Amino acid sequence: VLDASQPADRTVNGGDPTTFTANLLGSGPLSYQWMFNSKAIPGATDASYTIPQVLYTDAGSYALQVINPLSTNTTRAAVLTVTNTPVTFADPAQPADVVVVEGRAVTLTSVVAGSPPFRYQWYFSSTPILGATNSTYAIPAVSATNAGSYNVNASNQANSTNSRTATVTVLRDTLPPTITGIAASSAQLAINFSEPLDSSTASNPAKYSISGGVHVTAAALNPSD
């Protein structure tokens, strides 16, 4: 015996959980199969069905098929309506302006609220940054060419909005790196430095000098370091 009013229709905000249940009475053993738009939901074989985080693609009709040795019955189809809250930036001060010394790492961050799923696109001086589609954007080693303005566009099914524009200021690194380790052989020195070297000048032997009359004839970055 099935309750003709179950499962009940429901309206859920995107990103929230929801659970469908049905009241029934019958001789066991009972087996269950939840249906979405008349198709079986894989793994949905309990007396209730929960969607932990509702997305707009979950909107539709849900019914429960109940089987025992005597018969197969299907409940009414409950209609799930998904509403979407527009995406907004939860912290309007993000991404924040940054002053960083060249060669150092920098990460720009955004925090949004609204109905997921969210999509992101970071921009540098109004130009989309290839592959920068997460809530944060990181530059592992900043150079002078990274100085400028950055912002992120966030969107969901309801709307699209832009963050504030952050200014990244890059200061020239006027302090030389320090040596943190040396390994020597008869014809080669392997030197570890305290920070990454500029790849455009690190292979220039004229940039290095060794006391004691030793002449540097060649230099190269370790590709595995």
Protein backbone atom coordinates (compact mmCIF):
# COMPACT_ATOMS: atom_id res chain seq x y z
CA VAL A 1 0.00 0.00 0.00
CA LEU A 2 1.48 3.34 -1.05
CA ASP A 3 0.70 6.80 0.31
CA ALA A 4 -0.73 8.63 -2.70
CA SER A 5 0.74 11.95 -1.50
CA GLN A 6 4.32 10.65 -1.27
CA PRO A 7 6.97 11.47 -2.28
CA ALA A 8 6.03 15.13 -2.01
CA ASP A 9 6.89 17.86 -4.49
CA ARG A 10 9.65 20.15 -3.28
CA THR A 11 11.41 23.36 -4.20
CA VAL A 12 15.09 23.51 -3.24
CA ASN A 13 17.71 26.20 -3.56
CA GLY A 14 20.68 25.09 -5.65
CA GLY A 15 23.50 23.82 -3.44
CA ASP A 16 21.20 22.66 -0.61
CA PRO A 17 20.44 19.00 0.18
CA THR A 18 17.07 17.32 -0.22
CA THR A 19 15.59 13.90 0.60
CA PHE A 20 12.66 12.08 -0.98
CA THR A 21 10.72 9.57 1.13
CA ALA A 22 7.60 7.47 0.60
CA ASN A 23 5.29 5.88 3.17
CA LEU A 24 4.40 2.29 2.28
CA LEU A 25 3.03 -0.90 3.78
CA GLY A 26 3.46 -4.37 2.30
CA SER A 27 4.71 -7.89 2.79
CA GLY A 28 8.44 -8.33 2.59
CA PRO A 29 10.96 -8.74 1.42
CA LEU A 30 10.74 -5.34 -0.28
CA SER A 31 13.19 -3.96 -2.81
CA TYR A 32 13.38 -0.37 -3.98
CA GLN A 33 14.43 1.57 -7.05
CA TRP A 34 14.22 5.33 -7.35
CA MET A 35 13.49 6.76 -10.77
CA PHE A 36 14.44 10.16 -12.22
CA ASN A 37 12.36 11.23 -15.19
CA SER A 38 11.22 7.57 -15.52
CA LYS A 39 14.80 6.23 -15.61
CA ALA A 40 16.41 4.19 -12.83
CA ILE A 41 18.94 6.08 -10.70
CA PRO A 42 22.06 3.89 -10.30
CA GLY A 43 22.56 2.86 -6.67
CA ALA A 44 19.32 4.48 -5.45
CA THR A 45 17.88 1.31 -3.90
CA ASP A 46 16.85 2.43 -0.41
CA ALA A 47 13.46 3.50 0.92
CA SER A 48 14.60 7.14 0.75
CA TYR A 49 16.75 9.05 -1.73
CA THR A 50 19.01 11.97 -0.80
CA ILE A 51 20.74 14.49 -3.05
CA PRO A 52 23.53 16.01 -0.89
CA GLN A 53 23.95 19.11 -3.08
CA VAL A 54 21.17 19.88 -5.51
CA LEU A 55 22.20 21.22 -8.92
CA TYR A 56 20.03 22.71 -11.64
CA THR A 57 20.41 19.46 -13.61
CA ASP A 58 18.60 17.61 -10.78
CA ALA A 59 15.31 19.37 -11.54
CA GLY A 60 12.66 16.92 -12.73
CA SER A 61 10.37 14.13 -11.50
CA TYR A 62 11.23 11.47 -8.92
CA ALA A 63 9.31 8.28 -8.16
CA LEU A 64 9.96 5.14 -6.13
CA GLN A 65 9.37 1.68 -7.53
CA VAL A 66 8.60 -0.89 -4.79
CA ILE A 67 8.80 -4.60 -5.49
CA ASN A 68 7.82 -7.62 -3.38
CA PRO A 69 7.11 -11.23 -4.40
CA LEU A 70 3.46 -10.37 -5.12
CA SER A 71 3.61 -7.14 -7.11
CA THR A 72 5.48 -4.12 -8.38
CA ASN A 73 4.14 -0.67 -7.59
CA THR A 74 5.35 2.82 -8.36
CA THR A 75 4.63 5.93 -6.29
CA ARG A 76 3.45 9.24 -7.63
CA ALA A 77 6.10 11.32 -9.41
CA ALA A 78 7.33 14.13 -7.19
CA VAL A 79 8.49 17.26 -8.98
CA LEU A 80 11.78 18.80 -7.84
CA THR A 81 12.09 22.48 -8.67
CA VAL A 82 15.54 24.00 -8.31
CA THR A 83 15.91 27.70 -7.65
CA ASN A 84 19.23 29.46 -8.10
CA THR A 85 20.64 32.23 -5.93
CA PRO A 86 22.73 34.67 -7.98
CA VAL A 87 26.47 34.46 -7.44
CA THR A 88 28.02 37.31 -5.46
CA PHE A 89 31.47 37.97 -4.06
CA ALA A 90 31.29 37.23 -0.34
CA ASP A 91 34.36 39.38 0.31
CA PRO A 92 34.25 42.50 -1.88
CA ALA A 93 37.87 43.29 -0.91
CA GLN A 94 39.11 40.23 -2.80
CA PRO A 95 41.20 39.80 -4.80
CA ALA A 96 43.40 42.16 -2.81
CA ASP A 97 46.16 44.39 -4.15
CA VAL A 98 49.60 42.80 -3.84
CA VAL A 99 53.14 44.16 -3.68
CA VAL A 100 55.66 41.41 -4.35
CA VAL A 101 59.38 41.13 -5.04
CA GLU A 102 60.20 39.55 -8.39
CA GLY A 103 60.91 35.86 -8.16
CA ARG A 104 58.49 35.35 -5.29
CA ALA A 105 55.14 33.57 -5.51
CA VAL A 106 51.79 35.33 -5.39
CA THR A 107 48.23 34.02 -5.14
CA LEU A 108 45.08 36.00 -5.87
CA THR A 109 41.91 34.78 -4.16
CA SER A 110 38.16 35.16 -4.56
CA VAL A 111 35.33 34.01 -2.28
CA VAL A 112 31.83 33.69 -3.72
CA ALA A 113 28.35 32.91 -2.43
CA GLY A 114 25.26 31.67 -4.25
CA SER A 115 24.05 28.48 -5.87
CA PRO A 116 26.72 26.13 -7.22
CA PRO A 117 28.18 25.06 -9.51
CA PHE A 118 30.39 28.11 -10.00
CA ARG A 119 32.58 28.90 -12.99
CA TYR A 120 35.59 31.21 -12.90
CA GLN A 121 37.73 33.07 -15.41
CA TRP A 122 40.67 35.25 -14.38
CA TYR A 123 41.73 38.24 -16.45
CA PHE A 124 45.03 40.12 -16.75
CA SER A 125 44.58 43.66 -18.04
CA SER A 126 41.12 42.66 -19.38
CA THR A 127 42.54 39.67 -21.30
CA PRO A 128 41.44 36.14 -20.28
CA ILE A 129 44.27 34.10 -18.74
CA LEU A 130 44.47 30.69 -20.40
CA GLY A 131 43.61 27.91 -17.94
CA ALA A 132 42.92 30.30 -15.03
CA THR A 133 39.48 28.89 -14.20
CA ASN A 134 39.64 28.28 -10.45
CA SER A 135 38.63 30.44 -7.49
CA THR A 136 42.32 31.32 -6.99
CA TYR A 137 45.08 32.28 -9.39
CA ALA A 138 48.73 31.62 -8.54
CA ILE A 139 51.95 32.84 -10.14
CA PRO A 140 54.82 30.66 -8.85
CA ALA A 141 57.62 33.14 -9.62
CA VAL A 142 56.62 36.70 -10.42
CA SER A 143 58.48 38.72 -13.04
CA ALA A 144 58.16 42.34 -14.12
CA THR A 145 55.81 41.30 -16.94
CA ASN A 146 53.27 40.09 -14.35
CA ALA A 147 52.74 43.59 -12.97
CA GLY A 148 49.30 44.98 -13.74
CA SER A 149 45.60 44.58 -13.05
CA TYR A 150 43.78 41.30 -12.34
CA ASN A 151 40.14 40.43 -11.82
CA VAL A 152 37.97 37.32 -11.93
CA ASN A 153 34.55 36.71 -13.45
CA ALA A 154 32.34 34.30 -11.49
CA SER A 155 29.14 32.83 -12.85
CA ASN A 156 26.44 30.28 -12.07
CA GLN A 157 23.10 29.39 -13.65
CA ALA A 158 21.54 32.62 -12.41
CA ASN A 159 24.04 35.31 -13.38
CA SER A 160 27.60 36.42 -14.01
CA THR A 161 29.56 39.06 -12.10
CA ASN A 162 33.04 40.56 -11.97
CA SER A 163 35.25 41.03 -8.93
CA ARG A 164 37.09 44.17 -8.02
CA THR A 165 40.30 44.83 -9.95
CA ALA A 166 43.46 43.99 -7.99
CA THR A 167 46.76 45.64 -8.77
CA VAL A 168 49.90 43.52 -8.62
CA THR A 169 53.01 45.65 -8.12
CA VAL A 170 56.32 43.91 -8.77
CA LEU A 171 59.43 45.26 -7.07
CA ARG A 172 62.85 44.64 -8.53
CA ASP A 173 64.89 42.14 -6.54
CA THR A 174 68.06 44.06 -5.70
CA LEU A 175 69.39 41.52 -3.19
CA PRO A 176 71.47 38.66 -4.61
CA PRO A 177 70.50 35.11 -3.66
CA THR A 178 72.57 33.38 -1.02
CA ILE A 179 74.33 30.06 -1.52
CA THR A 180 72.70 27.24 0.44
CA GLY A 181 74.78 24.31 -0.79
CA ILE A 182 77.78 23.35 -2.97
CA ALA A 183 78.76 20.03 -4.52
CA ALA A 184 82.13 19.96 -6.30
CA SER A 185 83.96 17.66 -8.68
CA SER A 186 87.27 18.13 -10.51
CA ALA A 187 85.67 20.11 -13.33
CA GLN A 188 82.23 21.17 -12.08
CA LEU A 189 80.46 22.96 -9.26
CA ALA A 190 76.79 22.39 -8.47
CA ILE A 191 75.49 25.31 -6.43
CA ASN A 192 72.14 25.62 -4.70
CA PHE A 193 70.73 29.11 -4.18
CA SER A 194 68.17 30.43 -1.71
CA GLU A 195 65.74 31.44 -4.47
CA PRO A 196 65.06 30.74 -8.16
CA LEU A 197 67.45 32.41 -10.59
CA ASP A 198 66.42 34.45 -13.61
CA SER A 199 66.40 31.91 -16.44
CA SER A 200 67.38 34.60 -18.96
CA THR A 201 70.69 35.34 -17.21
CA ALA A 202 71.42 32.23 -15.13
CA SER A 203 73.22 30.52 -18.04
CA ASN A 204 75.58 33.44 -18.62
CA PRO A 205 79.00 32.49 -17.16
CA ALA A 206 79.94 36.17 -16.96
CA LYS A 207 77.42 36.51 -14.10
CA TYR A 208 79.54 34.28 -11.84
CA SER A 209 82.95 34.65 -10.27
CA ILE A 210 85.00 32.31 -8.08
CA SER A 211 87.88 33.51 -5.97
CA GLY A 212 91.33 31.96 -6.25
CA GLY A 213 91.74 32.53 -9.96
CA VAL A 214 89.13 29.99 -11.04
CA HIS A 215 87.52 30.90 -14.37
CA VAL A 216 83.87 30.04 -15.07
CA THR A 217 83.55 28.85 -18.67
CA ALA A 218 79.92 27.72 -18.73
CA ALA A 219 76.78 27.78 -16.59
CA ALA A 220 73.46 26.00 -16.79
CA LEU A 221 70.29 25.62 -14.71
CA ASN A 222 69.55 22.17 -13.38
CA PRO A 223 66.35 21.17 -15.25
CA SER A 224 65.28 18.87 -12.41
CA ASP A 225 65.67 21.50 -9.70
